[in-house]
N, C-alpha and C. Protein backbone atom coordinates (compact mmCIF):
# COMPACT_ATOMS: atom_id res chain seq x y z
N MET A 1 93.43 103.71 114.35
CA MET A 1 93.24 104.47 113.14
C MET A 1 93.57 103.56 111.96
N ARG A 2 92.71 103.54 110.97
CA ARG A 2 92.97 102.76 109.75
C ARG A 2 93.42 103.71 108.64
N ILE A 3 94.47 103.32 107.96
CA ILE A 3 95.04 104.13 106.89
C ILE A 3 95.13 103.27 105.64
N LEU A 4 94.63 103.77 104.51
CA LEU A 4 94.73 103.08 103.23
C LEU A 4 95.76 103.80 102.38
N PHE A 5 96.84 103.11 102.04
CA PHE A 5 97.86 103.64 101.14
C PHE A 5 97.54 103.17 99.73
N VAL A 6 97.46 104.09 98.80
CA VAL A 6 97.20 103.78 97.41
C VAL A 6 98.46 104.15 96.65
N GLY A 7 99.05 103.18 95.96
CA GLY A 7 100.31 103.48 95.28
C GLY A 7 100.68 102.43 94.26
N ASN A 8 101.99 102.29 94.08
CA ASN A 8 102.53 101.34 93.11
C ASN A 8 103.71 100.62 93.74
N SER A 9 104.58 100.08 92.93
CA SER A 9 105.69 99.29 93.45
C SER A 9 106.63 100.10 94.35
N HIS A 10 106.70 101.40 94.14
CA HIS A 10 107.54 102.23 95.01
C HIS A 10 107.02 102.20 96.45
N SER A 11 105.72 102.25 96.61
CA SER A 11 105.12 102.17 97.94
C SER A 11 105.33 100.79 98.54
N TYR A 12 105.22 99.77 97.70
CA TYR A 12 105.33 98.38 98.17
C TYR A 12 106.76 98.06 98.61
N PHE A 13 107.72 98.30 97.76
CA PHE A 13 109.10 97.91 98.06
C PHE A 13 109.76 98.77 99.13
N ASN A 14 109.27 99.98 99.32
CA ASN A 14 109.79 100.84 100.38
C ASN A 14 109.01 100.68 101.68
N ASP A 15 108.03 99.78 101.68
CA ASP A 15 107.23 99.44 102.87
C ASP A 15 106.67 100.68 103.57
N MET A 16 106.03 101.52 102.79
CA MET A 16 105.49 102.77 103.31
C MET A 16 104.49 102.58 104.46
N PRO A 17 103.57 101.61 104.38
CA PRO A 17 102.62 101.46 105.49
C PRO A 17 103.30 101.15 106.83
N ALA A 18 104.25 100.24 106.83
CA ALA A 18 104.93 99.89 108.08
C ALA A 18 105.76 101.06 108.59
N THR A 19 106.40 101.78 107.69
CA THR A 19 107.18 102.96 108.08
C THR A 19 106.28 104.00 108.72
N PHE A 20 105.12 104.24 108.11
CA PHE A 20 104.17 105.20 108.66
C PHE A 20 103.67 104.76 110.04
N ALA A 21 103.36 103.48 110.20
CA ALA A 21 102.89 102.96 111.49
C ALA A 21 103.95 103.13 112.57
N ARG A 22 105.22 102.89 112.22
CA ARG A 22 106.30 103.08 113.20
C ARG A 22 106.44 104.55 113.60
N LEU A 23 106.33 105.45 112.62
CA LEU A 23 106.41 106.89 112.93
C LEU A 23 105.26 107.32 113.83
N CYS A 24 104.06 106.82 113.56
CA CYS A 24 102.91 107.15 114.41
C CYS A 24 103.09 106.61 115.82
N ALA A 25 103.59 105.40 115.94
CA ALA A 25 103.83 104.81 117.26
C ALA A 25 104.86 105.62 118.03
N ALA A 26 105.92 106.05 117.34
CA ALA A 26 106.97 106.83 118.00
C ALA A 26 106.44 108.20 118.44
N ALA A 27 105.45 108.72 117.74
CA ALA A 27 104.89 110.02 118.08
C ALA A 27 103.75 109.91 119.10
N GLY A 28 103.42 108.67 119.49
CA GLY A 28 102.35 108.47 120.46
C GLY A 28 100.95 108.64 119.89
N ALA A 29 100.79 108.36 118.61
CA ALA A 29 99.49 108.57 117.95
C ALA A 29 98.52 107.42 118.15
N GLY A 30 98.91 106.40 118.88
CA GLY A 30 98.02 105.26 119.09
C GLY A 30 98.20 104.21 118.02
N GLU A 31 97.31 103.23 118.04
CA GLU A 31 97.43 102.12 117.10
C GLU A 31 97.05 102.56 115.69
N VAL A 32 97.88 102.17 114.73
CA VAL A 32 97.64 102.44 113.32
C VAL A 32 97.57 101.11 112.60
N VAL A 33 96.50 100.92 111.82
CA VAL A 33 96.33 99.70 111.03
C VAL A 33 96.43 100.10 109.56
N PRO A 34 97.63 99.96 108.98
CA PRO A 34 97.79 100.36 107.59
C PRO A 34 97.42 99.23 106.62
N THR A 35 96.89 99.61 105.48
CA THR A 35 96.59 98.69 104.40
C THR A 35 97.19 99.28 103.13
N LEU A 36 97.79 98.44 102.31
CA LEU A 36 98.42 98.90 101.08
C LEU A 36 97.68 98.34 99.88
N LEU A 37 97.30 99.23 98.98
CA LEU A 37 96.70 98.87 97.71
C LEU A 37 97.67 99.33 96.63
N ALA A 38 98.45 98.40 96.10
CA ALA A 38 99.51 98.77 95.16
C ALA A 38 99.54 97.82 93.98
N TYR A 39 99.66 98.42 92.80
CA TYR A 39 99.83 97.66 91.57
C TYR A 39 101.09 98.17 90.89
N SER A 40 101.91 97.27 90.46
CA SER A 40 103.20 97.62 89.87
C SER A 40 103.04 98.46 88.60
N GLY A 41 103.80 99.54 88.55
CA GLY A 41 103.86 100.38 87.36
C GLY A 41 102.61 101.20 87.08
N ARG A 42 101.73 101.33 88.03
CA ARG A 42 100.49 102.07 87.80
C ARG A 42 100.57 103.45 88.44
N PRO A 43 100.18 104.49 87.70
CA PRO A 43 100.14 105.84 88.29
C PRO A 43 98.86 106.01 89.11
N LEU A 44 98.77 107.08 89.87
CA LEU A 44 97.61 107.34 90.70
C LEU A 44 96.33 107.43 89.88
N GLY A 45 96.41 108.01 88.71
CA GLY A 45 95.24 108.12 87.84
C GLY A 45 94.63 106.78 87.50
N TRP A 46 95.45 105.76 87.39
CA TRP A 46 94.94 104.42 87.10
C TRP A 46 94.01 103.94 88.21
N HIS A 47 94.39 104.20 89.45
CA HIS A 47 93.55 103.80 90.58
C HIS A 47 92.19 104.50 90.52
N LEU A 48 92.18 105.74 90.06
CA LEU A 48 90.92 106.48 89.97
C LEU A 48 90.05 105.98 88.83
N GLU A 49 90.68 105.58 87.72
CA GLU A 49 89.93 105.08 86.57
C GLU A 49 89.46 103.64 86.77
N GLU A 50 90.34 102.79 87.25
CA GLU A 50 90.03 101.38 87.50
C GLU A 50 89.78 101.20 88.99
N ASN A 51 88.70 101.77 89.46
CA ASN A 51 88.51 101.93 90.90
C ASN A 51 87.86 100.74 91.60
N PHE A 52 87.76 99.59 90.95
CA PHE A 52 87.11 98.44 91.57
C PHE A 52 87.74 98.08 92.91
N SER A 53 89.03 97.98 92.97
CA SER A 53 89.70 97.58 94.20
C SER A 53 89.72 98.72 95.22
N LEU A 54 89.95 99.92 94.75
CA LEU A 54 89.95 101.09 95.63
C LEU A 54 88.56 101.26 96.25
N ARG A 55 87.54 101.14 95.45
CA ARG A 55 86.17 101.29 95.94
C ARG A 55 85.85 100.24 97.00
N ASP A 56 86.20 98.99 96.75
CA ASP A 56 85.96 97.92 97.72
C ASP A 56 86.68 98.19 99.04
N ASN A 57 87.92 98.63 98.96
CA ASN A 57 88.67 98.91 100.18
C ASN A 57 88.06 100.06 100.97
N LEU A 58 87.60 101.08 100.29
CA LEU A 58 86.99 102.21 100.98
C LEU A 58 85.63 101.86 101.56
N LEU A 59 84.85 101.08 100.83
CA LEU A 59 83.51 100.73 101.30
C LEU A 59 83.50 99.68 102.40
N TYR A 60 84.36 98.70 102.28
CA TYR A 60 84.29 97.55 103.19
C TYR A 60 85.43 97.48 104.18
N GLY A 61 86.34 98.43 104.13
CA GLY A 61 87.37 98.57 105.15
C GLY A 61 88.32 97.41 105.35
N ARG A 62 88.67 96.73 104.26
CA ARG A 62 89.60 95.61 104.40
C ARG A 62 90.91 96.07 104.88
């Protein structure tokens, strides 16, 4: 399963993707491939307005 995390420095420094992958593994959910798209100090709305990177990640599955 591929998961795209969209966030900011809080997501990055708290290592949300790795934490989520460990929780999924512990629950027996199979392999999880997390990707983090995070820019420091940016709210979620910024990702929606400046969607170049978000769009590329969703379309091309990096």
